[in-house]
Amino acid sequence: MRPRGRQWWKLLGLAGVVGVAATGVVAVRADRQRKAYTPDEVRARLHERYTRAYAAHDGQQEIALSAPTWRDRVTGALHRLRRRGAGSDQPSARRNPSAS
């Protein structure tokens, strides 16, 4: 049974989706190999980051060493998104209701 009409387009679309997925897998795999650190390198980087964070605080407050909560993560992500979007010259995706 040979594919007809729309079936060709469906097969072509499916092949495109498979190609995009395969490209993504290859890119992620290469990125993981590039970022493969030894445990000693990870430990050294963490110690360096902790030292910089401690020096930046300059004894003002105690540094919390507990893992951040879900709420802290979401709040931090929203703050980063706001800061990133604050300096951009691109128009907002929101519509201005007063301009309608």
PDB file of N, CA and C in Angstrom:
ATOM      1  N   MET A   1       0.836  -1.170   0.000  1.00  0.00           N
ATOM      2  CA  MET A   1       0.000   0.000   0.000  1.00  0.00           C
ATOM      3  C   MET A   1       0.890   1.245   0.000  1.00  0.00           C
ATOM      4  N   ARG A   2       0.756   2.056  -1.006  1.00  0.00           N
ATOM      5  CA  ARG A   2       1.561   3.273  -1.145  1.00  0.00           C
ATOM      6  C   ARG A   2       0.865   4.449  -0.476  1.00  0.00           C
ATOM      7  N   PRO A   3       1.638   5.331   0.162  1.00  0.00           N
ATOM      8  CA  PRO A   3       1.031   6.532   0.750  1.00  0.00           C
ATOM      9  C   PRO A   3       0.484   7.450  -0.341  1.00  0.00           C
ATOM     10  N   ARG A   4      -0.644   8.084  -0.055  1.00  0.00           N
ATOM     11  CA  ARG A   4      -1.245   9.002  -1.023  1.00  0.00           C
ATOM     12  C   ARG A   4      -1.440  10.377  -0.404  1.00  0.00           C
ATOM     13  N   GLY A   5      -1.453  11.379  -1.225  1.00  0.00           N
ATOM     14  CA  GLY A   5      -1.814  12.737  -0.860  1.00  0.00           C
ATOM     15  C   GLY A   5      -1.308  13.206   0.495  1.00  0.00           C
ATOM     16  N   ARG A   6      -2.225  13.296   1.443  1.00  0.00           N
ATOM     17  CA  ARG A   6      -1.896  13.800   2.783  1.00  0.00           C
ATOM     18  C   ARG A   6      -0.937  12.885   3.534  1.00  0.00           C
ATOM     19  N   GLN A   7      -0.954  11.629   3.218  1.00  0.00           N
ATOM     20  CA  GLN A   7      -0.070  10.700   3.920  1.00  0.00           C
ATOM     21  C   GLN A   7       1.402  11.052   3.677  1.00  0.00           C
ATOM     22  N   TRP A   8       1.710  11.553   2.486  1.00  0.00           N
ATOM     23  CA  TRP A   8       3.085  11.976   2.208  1.00  0.00           C
ATOM     24  C   TRP A   8       3.475  13.128   3.132  1.00  0.00           C
ATOM     25  N   TRP A   9       2.553  14.070   3.298  1.00  0.00           N
ATOM     26  CA  TRP A   9       2.839  15.218   4.161  1.00  0.00           C
ATOM     27  C   TRP A   9       2.998  14.784   5.618  1.00  0.00           C
ATOM     28  N   LYS A  10       2.181  13.824   6.022  1.00  0.00           N
ATOM     29  CA  LYS A  10       2.296  13.318   7.390  1.00  0.00           C
ATOM     30  C   LYS A  10       3.649  12.638   7.603  1.00  0.00           C
ATOM     31  N   LEU A  11       4.071  11.838   6.637  1.00  0.00           N
ATOM     32  CA  LEU A  11       5.366  11.170   6.743  1.00  0.00           C
ATOM     33  C   LEU A  11       6.511  12.183   6.737  1.00  0.00           C
ATOM     34  N   LEU A  12       6.386  13.206   5.902  1.00  0.00           N
ATOM     35  CA  LEU A  12       7.411  14.237   5.844  1.00  0.00           C
ATOM     36  C   LEU A  12       7.484  14.999   7.176  1.00  0.00           C
ATOM     37  N   GLY A  13       6.339  15.315   7.755  1.00  0.00           N
ATOM     38  CA  GLY A  13       6.306  15.997   9.047  1.00  0.00           C
ATOM     39  C   GLY A  13       6.887  15.137  10.148  1.00  0.00           C
ATOM     40  N   LEU A  14       6.548  13.862  10.142  1.00  0.00           N
ATOM     41  CA  LEU A  14       7.086  12.938  11.137  1.00  0.00           C
ATOM     42  C   LEU A  14       8.601  12.832  11.010  1.00  0.00           C
ATOM     43  N   ALA A  15       9.098  12.770   9.779  1.00  0.00           N
ATOM     44  CA  ALA A  15      10.543  12.711   9.569  1.00  0.00           C
ATOM     45  C   ALA A  15      11.212  13.988  10.082  1.00  0.00           C
ATOM     46  N   GLY A  16      10.565  15.127   9.896  1.00  0.00           N
ATOM     47  CA  GLY A  16      11.110  16.392  10.400  1.00  0.00           C
ATOM     48  C   GLY A  16      11.182  16.412  11.910  1.00  0.00           C
ATOM     49  N   VAL A  17      10.124  15.934  12.565  1.00  0.00           N
ATOM     50  CA  VAL A  17      10.101  15.893  14.030  1.00  0.00           C
ATOM     51  C   VAL A  17      11.197  14.970  14.550  1.00  0.00           C
ATOM     52  N   VAL A  18      11.363  13.824  13.924  1.00  0.00           N
ATOM     53  CA  VAL A  18      12.409  12.886  14.340  1.00  0.00           C
ATOM     54  C   VAL A  18      13.787  13.514  14.144  1.00  0.00           C
ATOM     55  N   GLY A  19      13.975  14.237  13.048  1.00  0.00           N
ATOM     56  CA  GLY A  19      15.255  14.901  12.794  1.00  0.00           C
ATOM     57  C   GLY A  19      15.572  15.961  13.830  1.00  0.00           C
ATOM     58  N   VAL A  20      14.579  16.761  14.195  1.00  0.00           N
ATOM     59  CA  VAL A  20      14.785  17.799  15.207  1.00  0.00           C
ATOM     60  C   VAL A  20      15.109  17.166  16.560  1.00  0.00           C
ATOM     61  N   ALA A  21      14.392  16.111  16.916  1.00  0.00           N
ATOM     62  CA  ALA A  21      14.646  15.438  18.193  1.00  0.00           C
ATOM     63  C   ALA A  21      16.057  14.845  18.222  1.00  0.00           C
ATOM     64  N   ALA A  22      16.473  14.233  17.123  1.00  0.00           N
ATOM     65  CA  ALA A  22      17.807  13.638  17.071  1.00  0.00           C
ATOM     66  C   ALA A  22      18.887  14.716  17.183  1.00  0.00           C
ATOM     67  N   THR A  23      18.668  15.855  16.547  1.00  0.00           N
ATOM     68  CA  THR A  23      19.631  16.953  16.636  1.00  0.00           C
ATOM     69  C   THR A  23      19.736  17.456  18.072  1.00  0.00           C
ATOM     70  N   GLY A  24      18.603  17.570  18.753  1.00  0.00           N
ATOM     71  CA  GLY A  24      18.610  18.001  20.149  1.00  0.00           C
ATOM     72  C   GLY A  24      19.360  17.031  21.040  1.00  0.00           C
ATOM     73  N   VAL A  25      19.163  15.749  20.812  1.00  0.00           N
ATOM     74  CA  VAL A  25      19.848  14.727  21.613  1.00  0.00           C
ATOM     75  C   VAL A  25      21.355  14.830  21.415  1.00  0.00           C
ATOM     76  N   VAL A  26      21.788  15.001  20.177  1.00  0.00           N
ATOM     77  CA  VAL A  26      23.221  15.104  19.895  1.00  0.00           C
ATOM     78  C   VAL A  26      23.803  16.359  20.545  1.00  0.00           C
ATOM     79  N   ALA A  27      23.077  17.470  20.486  1.00  0.00           N
ATOM     80  CA  ALA A  27      23.565  18.718  21.078  1.00  0.00           C
ATOM     81  C   ALA A  27      23.685  18.598  22.596  1.00  0.00           C
ATOM     82  N   VAL A  28      22.694  18.009  23.243  1.00  0.00           N
ATOM     83  CA  VAL A  28      22.729  17.848  24.702  1.00  0.00           C
ATOM     84  C   VAL A  28      23.857  16.913  25.106  1.00  0.00           C
ATOM     85  N   ARG A  29      24.049  15.868  24.348  1.00  0.00           N
ATOM     86  CA  ARG A  29      25.110  14.915  24.662  1.00  0.00           C
ATOM     87  C   ARG A  29      26.485  15.576  24.572  1.00  0.00           C
ATOM     88  N   ALA A  30      26.688  16.373  23.523  1.00  0.00           N
ATOM     89  CA  ALA A  30      27.966  17.071  23.365  1.00  0.00           C
ATOM     90  C   ALA A  30      28.166  18.078  24.494  1.00  0.00           C
ATOM     91  N   ASP A  31      27.103  18.745  24.893  1.00  0.00           N
ATOM     92  CA  ASP A  31      27.190  19.731  25.977  1.00  0.00           C
ATOM     93  C   ASP A  31      27.542  19.051  27.296  1.00  0.00           C
ATOM     94  N   ARG A  32      26.966  17.896  27.552  1.00  0.00           N
ATOM     95  CA  ARG A  32      27.279  17.162  28.788  1.00  0.00           C
ATOM     96  C   ARG A  32      28.737  16.737  28.813  1.00  0.00           C
ATOM     97  N   GLN A  33      29.244  16.278  27.668  1.00  0.00           N
ATOM     98  CA  GLN A  33      30.638  15.850  27.627  1.00  0.00           C
ATOM     99  C   GLN A  33      31.574  17.028  27.834  1.00  0.00           C
ATOM    100  N   ARG A  34      31.196  18.191  27.322  1.00  0.00           N
ATOM    101  CA  ARG A  34      32.019  19.378  27.471  1.00  0.00           C
ATOM    102  C   ARG A  34      32.035  19.853  28.916  1.00  0.00           C
ATOM    103  N   LYS A  35      30.925  19.672  29.616  1.00  0.00           N
ATOM    104  CA  LYS A  35      30.814  20.150  30.990  1.00  0.00           C
ATOM    105  C   LYS A  35      31.125  19.075  32.021  1.00  0.00           C
ATOM    106  N   ALA A  36      31.726  17.989  31.613  1.00  0.00           N
ATOM    107  CA  ALA A  36      32.023  16.906  32.548  1.00  0.00           C
ATOM    108  C   ALA A  36      33.201  17.318  33.432  1.00  0.00           C
ATOM    109  N   TYR A  37      32.927  17.549  34.702  1.00  0.00           N
ATOM    110  CA  TYR A  37      33.949  17.949  35.655  1.00  0.00           C
ATOM    111  C   TYR A  37      34.261  16.782  36.580  1.00  0.00           C
ATOM    112  N   THR A  38      35.487  16.751  37.058  1.00  0.00           N
ATOM    113  CA  THR A  38      35.841  15.748  38.053  1.00  0.00           C
ATOM    114  C   THR A  38      35.285  16.207  39.398  1.00  0.00           C
ATOM    115  N   PRO A  39      35.109  15.287  40.335  1.00  0.00           N
ATOM    116  CA  PRO A  39      34.613  15.683  41.660  1.00  0.00           C
ATOM    117  C   PRO A  39      35.494  16.736  42.336  1.00  0.00           C
ATOM    118  N   ASP A  40      36.799  16.669  42.123  1.00  0.00           N
ATOM    119  CA  ASP A  40      37.696  17.663  42.723  1.00  0.00           C
ATOM    120  C   ASP A  40      37.463  19.054  42.131  1.00  0.00           C
ATOM    121  N   GLU A  41      37.201  19.110  40.818  1.00  0.00           N
ATOM    122  CA  GLU A  41      36.923  20.403  40.183  1.00  0.00           C
ATOM    123  C   GLU A  41      35.615  20.990  40.705  1.00  0.00           C
ATOM    124  N   VAL A  42      34.604  20.148  40.851  1.00  0.00           N
ATOM    125  CA  VAL A  42      33.316  20.614  41.372  1.00  0.00           C
ATOM    126  C   VAL A  42      33.489  21.139  42.791  1.00  0.00           C
ATOM    127  N   ARG A  43      34.204  20.394  43.615  1.00  0.00           N
ATOM    128  CA  ARG A  43      34.430  20.801  45.000  1.00  0.00           C
ATOM    129  C   ARG A  43      35.178  22.128  45.060  1.00  0.00           C
ATOM    130  N   ALA A  44      36.206  22.273  44.224  1.00  0.00           N
ATOM    131  CA  ALA A  44      36.986  23.515  44.216  1.00  0.00           C
ATOM    132  C   ALA A  44      36.121  24.699  43.794  1.00  0.00           C
ATOM    133  N   ARG A  45      35.270  24.490  42.794  1.00  0.00           N
ATOM    134  CA  ARG A  45      34.397  25.582  42.341  1.00  0.00           C
ATOM    135  C   ARG A  45      33.388  25.960  43.417  1.00  0.00           C
ATOM    136  N   LEU A  46      32.852  24.970  44.111  1.00  0.00           N
ATOM    137  CA  LEU A  46      31.896  25.265  45.179  1.00  0.00           C
ATOM    138  C   LEU A  46      32.563  26.030  46.320  1.00  0.00           C
ATOM    139  N   HIS A  47      33.771  25.623  46.682  1.00  0.00           N
ATOM    140  CA  HIS A  47      34.494  26.335  47.740  1.00  0.00           C
ATOM    141  C   HIS A  47      34.777  27.779  47.322  1.00  0.00           C
ATOM    142  N   GLU A  48      35.145  27.959  46.063  1.00  0.00           N
ATOM    143  CA  GLU A  48      35.425  29.309  45.565  1.00  0.00           C
ATOM    144  C   GLU A  48      34.164  30.175  45.599  1.00  0.00           C
ATOM    145  N   ARG A  49      33.042  29.617  45.160  1.00  0.00           N
ATOM    146  CA  ARG A  49      31.784  30.364  45.175  1.00  0.00           C
ATOM    147  C   ARG A  49      31.364  30.710  46.599  1.00  0.00           C
ATOM    148  N   TYR A  50      31.532  29.778  47.512  1.00  0.00           N
ATOM    149  CA  TYR A  50      31.181  30.037  48.908  1.00  0.00           C
ATOM    150  C   TYR A  50      32.052  31.156  49.476  1.00  0.00           C
ATOM    151  N   THR A  51      33.343  31.107  49.170  1.00  0.00           N
ATOM    152  CA  THR A  51      34.257  32.134  49.675  1.00  0.00           C
ATOM    153  C   THR A  51      33.870  33.509  49.148  1.00  0.00           C
ATOM    154  N   ARG A  52      33.541  33.586  47.844  1.00  0.00           N
ATOM    155  CA  ARG A  52      33.129  34.872  47.272  1.00  0.00           C
ATOM    156  C   ARG A  52      31.830  35.363  47.894  1.00  0.00           C
ATOM    157  N   ALA A  53      30.875  34.460  48.096  1.00  0.00           N
ATOM    158  CA  ALA A  53      29.593  34.852  48.687  1.00  0.00           C
ATOM    159  C   ALA A  53      29.787  35.321  50.122  1.00  0.00           C
ATOM    160  N   TYR A  54      30.639  34.647  50.852  1.00  0.00           N
ATOM    161  CA  TYR A  54      30.899  35.026  52.241  1.00  0.00           C
ATOM    162  C   TYR A  54      31.584  36.391  52.304  1.00  0.00           C
ATOM    163  N   ALA A  55      32.528  36.609  51.399  1.00  0.00           N
ATOM    164  CA  ALA A  55      33.229  37.897  51.369  1.00  0.00           C
ATOM    165  C   ALA A  55      32.279  39.022  50.963  1.00  0.00           C
ATOM    166  N   ALA A  56      31.346  38.738  50.071  1.00  0.00           N
ATOM    167  CA  ALA A  56      30.390  39.757  49.625  1.00  0.00           C
ATOM    168  C   ALA A  56      29.447  40.150  50.754  1.00  0.00           C
ATOM    169  N   HIS A  57      29.095  39.197  51.602  1.00  0.00           N
ATOM    170  CA  HIS A  57      28.206  39.509  52.722  1.00  0.00           C
ATOM    171  C   HIS A  57      28.900  40.394  53.746  1.00  0.00           C
ATOM    172  N   ASP A  58      30.193  40.209  53.893  1.00  0.00           N
ATOM    173  CA  ASP A  58      31.004  41.031  54.782  1.00  0.00           C
ATOM    174  C   ASP A  58      30.478  41.035  56.211  1.00  0.00           C
ATOM    175  N   GLY A  59      29.929  39.910  56.639  1.00  0.00           N
ATOM    176  CA  GLY A  59      29.483  39.779  58.011  1.00  0.00           C
ATOM    177  C   GLY A  59      28.180  40.486  58.335  1.00  0.00           C
ATOM    178  N   GLN A  60      27.446  40.958  57.329  1.00  0.00           N
ATOM    179  CA  GLN A  60      26.185  41.654  57.590  1.00  0.00           C
ATOM    180  C   GLN A  60      25.136  40.705  58.150  1.00  0.00           C
ATOM    181  N   GLN A  61      25.021  39.553  57.530  1.00  0.00           N
ATOM    182  CA  GLN A  61      24.030  38.568  57.955  1.00  0.00           C
ATOM    183  C   GLN A  61      24.686  37.199  57.950  1.00  0.00           C
ATOM    184  N   GLU A  62      24.022  36.282  58.588  1.00  0.00           N
ATOM    185  CA  GLU A  62      24.499  34.907  58.544  1.00  0.00           C
ATOM    186  C   GLU A  62      24.063  34.295  57.219  1.00  0.00           C
ATOM    187  N   ILE A  63      24.940  33.554  56.587  1.00  0.00           N
ATOM    188  CA  ILE A  63      24.620  32.926  55.314  1.00  0.00           C
ATOM    189  C   ILE A  63      23.871  31.633  55.594  1.00  0.00           C
ATOM    190  N   ALA A  64      22.705  31.483  54.982  1.00  0.00           N
ATOM    191  CA  ALA A  64      21.909  30.271  55.170  1.00  0.00           C
ATOM    192  C   ALA A  64      22.518  29.146  54.347  1.00  0.00           C
ATOM    193  N   LEU A  65      22.860  28.058  55.003  1.00  0.00           N
ATOM    194  CA  LEU A  65      23.461  26.930  54.309  1.00  0.00           C
ATOM    195  C   LEU A  65      22.451  25.841  53.997  1.00  0.00           C
ATOM    196  N   SER A  66      21.182  26.054  54.347  1.00  0.00           N
ATOM    197  CA  SER A  66      20.165  25.053  54.055  1.00  0.00           C
ATOM    198  C   SER A  66      19.741  25.165  52.595  1.00  0.00           C
ATOM    199  N   ALA A  67      19.203  24.082  52.091  1.00  0.00           N
ATOM    200  CA  ALA A  67      18.746  24.067  50.701  1.00  0.00           C
ATOM    201  C   ALA A  67      17.563  25.020  50.540  1.00  0.00           C
ATOM    202  N   PRO A  68      17.491  25.727  49.405  1.00  0.00           N
ATOM    203  CA  PRO A  68      16.373  26.652  49.205  1.00  0.00           C
ATOM    204  C   PRO A  68      15.058  25.896  49.055  1.00  0.00           C
ATOM    205  N   THR A  69      14.003  26.506  49.529  1.00  0.00           N
ATOM    206  CA  THR A  69      12.686  25.889  49.410  1.00  0.00           C
ATOM    207  C   THR A  69      12.147  26.119  48.011  1.00  0.00           C
ATOM    208  N   TRP A  70      11.057  25.446  47.713  1.00  0.00           N
ATOM    209  CA  TRP A  70      10.413  25.599  46.408  1.00  0.00           C
ATOM    210  C   TRP A  70      10.018  27.053  46.190  1.00  0.00           C
ATOM    211  N   ARG A  71       9.497  27.670  47.228  1.00  0.00           N
ATOM    212  CA  ARG A  71       9.066  29.068  47.127  1.00  0.00           C
ATOM    213  C   ARG A  71      10.261  29.991  46.857  1.00  0.00           C
ATOM    214  N   ASP A  72      11.397  29.730  47.515  1.00  0.00           N
ATOM    215  CA  ASP A  72      12.596  30.535  47.284  1.00  0.00           C
ATOM    216  C   ASP A  72      13.059  30.420  45.834  1.00  0.00           C
ATOM    217  N   ARG A  73      13.012  29.212  45.295  1.00  0.00           N
ATOM    218  CA  ARG A  73      13.441  29.007  43.912  1.00  0.00           C
ATOM    219  C   ARG A  73      12.551  29.756  42.935  1.00  0.00           C
ATOM    220  N   VAL A  74      11.236  29.652  43.136  1.00  0.00           N
ATOM    221  CA  VAL A  74      10.299  30.329  42.234  1.00  0.00           C
ATOM    222  C   VAL A  74      10.459  31.840  42.346  1.00  0.00           C
ATOM    223  N   THR A  75      10.565  32.341  43.568  1.00  0.00           N
ATOM    224  CA  THR A  75      10.728  33.783  43.772  1.00  0.00           C
ATOM    225  C   THR A  75      12.021  34.274  43.130  1.00  0.00           C
ATOM    226  N   GLY A  76      13.093  33.536  43.315  1.00  0.00           N
ATOM    227  CA  GLY A  76      14.369  33.916  42.709  1.00  0.00           C
ATOM    228  C   GLY A  76      14.306  33.916  41.194  1.00  0.00           C
ATOM    229  N   ALA A  77      13.640  32.904  40.628  1.00  0.00           N
ATOM    230  CA  ALA A  77      13.511  32.839  39.173  1.00  0.00           C
ATOM    231  C   ALA A  77      12.707  34.024  38.648  1.00  0.00           C
ATOM    232  N   LEU A  78      11.645  34.393  39.351  1.00  0.00           N
ATOM    233  CA  LEU A  78      10.843  35.541  38.916  1.00  0.00           C
ATOM    234  C   LEU A  78      11.644  36.836  39.001  1.00  0.00           C
ATOM    235  N   HIS A  79      12.438  36.995  40.047  1.00  0.00           N
ATOM    236  CA  HIS A  79      13.279  38.194  40.166  1.00  0.00           C
ATOM    237  C   HIS A  79      14.288  38.264  39.021  1.00  0.00           C
ATOM    238  N   ARG A  80      14.890  37.114  38.689  1.00  0.00           N
ATOM    239  CA  ARG A  80      15.861  37.107  37.590  1.00  0.00           C
ATOM    240  C   ARG A  80      15.192  37.447  36.268  1.00  0.00           C
ATOM    241  N   LEU A  81      13.987  36.930  36.041  1.00  0.00           N
ATOM    242  CA  LEU A  81      13.274  37.242  34.805  1.00  0.00           C
ATOM    243  C   LEU A  81      12.933  38.722  34.728  1.00  0.00           C
ATOM    244  N   ARG A  82      12.507  39.303  35.847  1.00  0.00           N
ATOM    245  CA  ARG A  82      12.187  40.735  35.849  1.00  0.00           C
ATOM    246  C   ARG A  82      13.425  41.572  35.562  1.00  0.00           C
ATOM    247  N   ARG A  83      14.549  41.202  36.194  1.00  0.00           N
ATOM    248  CA  ARG A  83      15.783  41.957  35.961  1.00  0.00           C
ATOM    249  C   ARG A  83      16.236  41.828  34.516  1.00  0.00           C
ATOM    250  N   ARG A  84      16.109  40.636  33.954  1.00  0.00           N
ATOM    251  CA  ARG A  84      16.533  40.413  32.582  1.00  0.00           C
ATOM    252  C   ARG A  84      15.675  41.224  31.622  1.00  0.00           C
ATOM    253  N   GLY A  85      14.374  41.289  31.888  1.00  0.00           N
ATOM    254  CA  GLY A  85      13.463  42.007  31.009  1.00  0.00           C
ATOM    255  C   GLY A  85      13.470  43.506  31.217  1.00  0.00           C
ATOM    256  N   ALA A  86      13.985  43.980  32.347  1.00  0.00           N
ATOM    257  CA  ALA A  86      13.936  45.415  32.652  1.00  0.00           C
ATOM    258  C   ALA A  86      14.836  46.225  31.730  1.00  0.00           C
ATOM    259  N   GLY A  87      15.966  45.683  31.328  1.00  0.00           N
ATOM    260  CA  GLY A  87      16.903  46.441  30.512  1.00  0.00           C
ATOM    261  C   GLY A  87      16.735  46.237  29.020  1.00  0.00           C
ATOM    262  N   SER A  88      15.787  45.433  28.600  1.00  0.00           N
ATOM    263  CA  SER A  88      15.658  45.145  27.175  1.00  0.00           C
ATOM    264  C   SER A  88      14.897  46.257  26.469  1.00  0.00           C
ATOM    265  N   ASP A  89      15.225  46.449  25.209  1.00  0.00           N
ATOM    266  CA  ASP A  89      14.547  47.455  24.398  1.00  0.00           C
ATOM    267  C   ASP A  89      13.377  46.862  23.631  1.00  0.00           C
ATOM    268  N   GLN A  90      13.117  45.586  23.830  1.00  0.00           N
ATOM    269  CA  GLN A  90      12.042  44.939  23.101  1.00  0.00           C
ATOM    270  C   GLN A  90      10.707  45.299  23.723  1.00  0.00           C
ATOM    271  N   PRO A  91       9.677  45.429  22.881  1.00  0.00           N
ATOM    272  CA  PRO A  91       8.355  45.752  23.425  1.00  0.00           C
ATOM    273  C   PRO A  91       7.807  44.589  24.235  1.00  0.00           C
ATOM    274  N   SER A  92       6.957  44.908  25.163  1.00  0.00           N
ATOM    275  CA  SER A  92       6.359  43.900  26.021  1.00  0.00           C
ATOM    276  C   SER A  92       5.357  43.071  25.229  1.00  0.00           C
ATOM    277  N   ALA A  93       5.160  41.832  25.639  1.00  0.00           N
ATOM    278  CA  ALA A  93       4.195  40.967  24.972  1.00  0.00           C
ATOM    279  C   ALA A  93       2.775  41.317  25.395  1.00  0.00           C
ATOM    280  N   ARG A  94       2.640  42.068  26.473  1.00  0.00           N
ATOM    281  CA  ARG A  94       1.325  42.461  26.966  1.00  0.00           C
ATOM    282  C   ARG A  94       0.717  43.541  26.100  1.00  0.00           C
ATOM    283  N   ARG A  95      -0.569  43.451  25.910  1.00  0.00           N
ATOM    284  CA  ARG A  95      -1.275  44.505  25.175  1.00  0.00           C
ATOM    285  C   ARG A  95      -1.598  45.630  26.128  1.00  0.00           C
ATOM    286  N   ASN A  96      -1.559  46.819  25.611  1.00  0.00           N
ATOM    287  CA  ASN A  96      -1.911  47.986  26.397  1.00  0.00           C
ATOM    288  C   ASN A  96      -3.401  48.238  26.206  1.00  0.00           C
ATOM    289  N   PRO A  97      -4.241  47.973  27.219  1.00  0.00           N
ATOM    290  CA  PRO A  97      -5.687  48.115  27.035  1.00  0.00           C
ATOM    291  C   PRO A  97      -6.111  49.557  26.761  1.00  0.00           C
ATOM    292  N   SER A  98      -5.353  50.535  27.218  1.00  0.00           N
ATOM    293  CA  SER A  98      -5.748  51.924  26.994  1.00  0.00           C
ATOM    294  C   SER A  98      -5.492  52.353  25.558  1.00  0.00           C
ATOM    295  N   ALA A  99      -4.640  51.623  24.829  1.00  0.00           N
ATOM    296  CA  ALA A  99      -4.337  51.989  23.447  1.00  0.00           C
ATOM    297  C   ALA A  99      -5.395  51.484  22.481  1.00  0.00           C
ATOM    298  N   SER A 100      -6.282  50.592  22.914  1.00  0.00           N
ATOM    299  CA  SER A 100      -7.287  50.011  22.019  1.00  0.00           C
ATOM    300  C   SER A 100      -8.371  50.992  21.694  1.00  0.00           C
TER     301      SER A 100
END
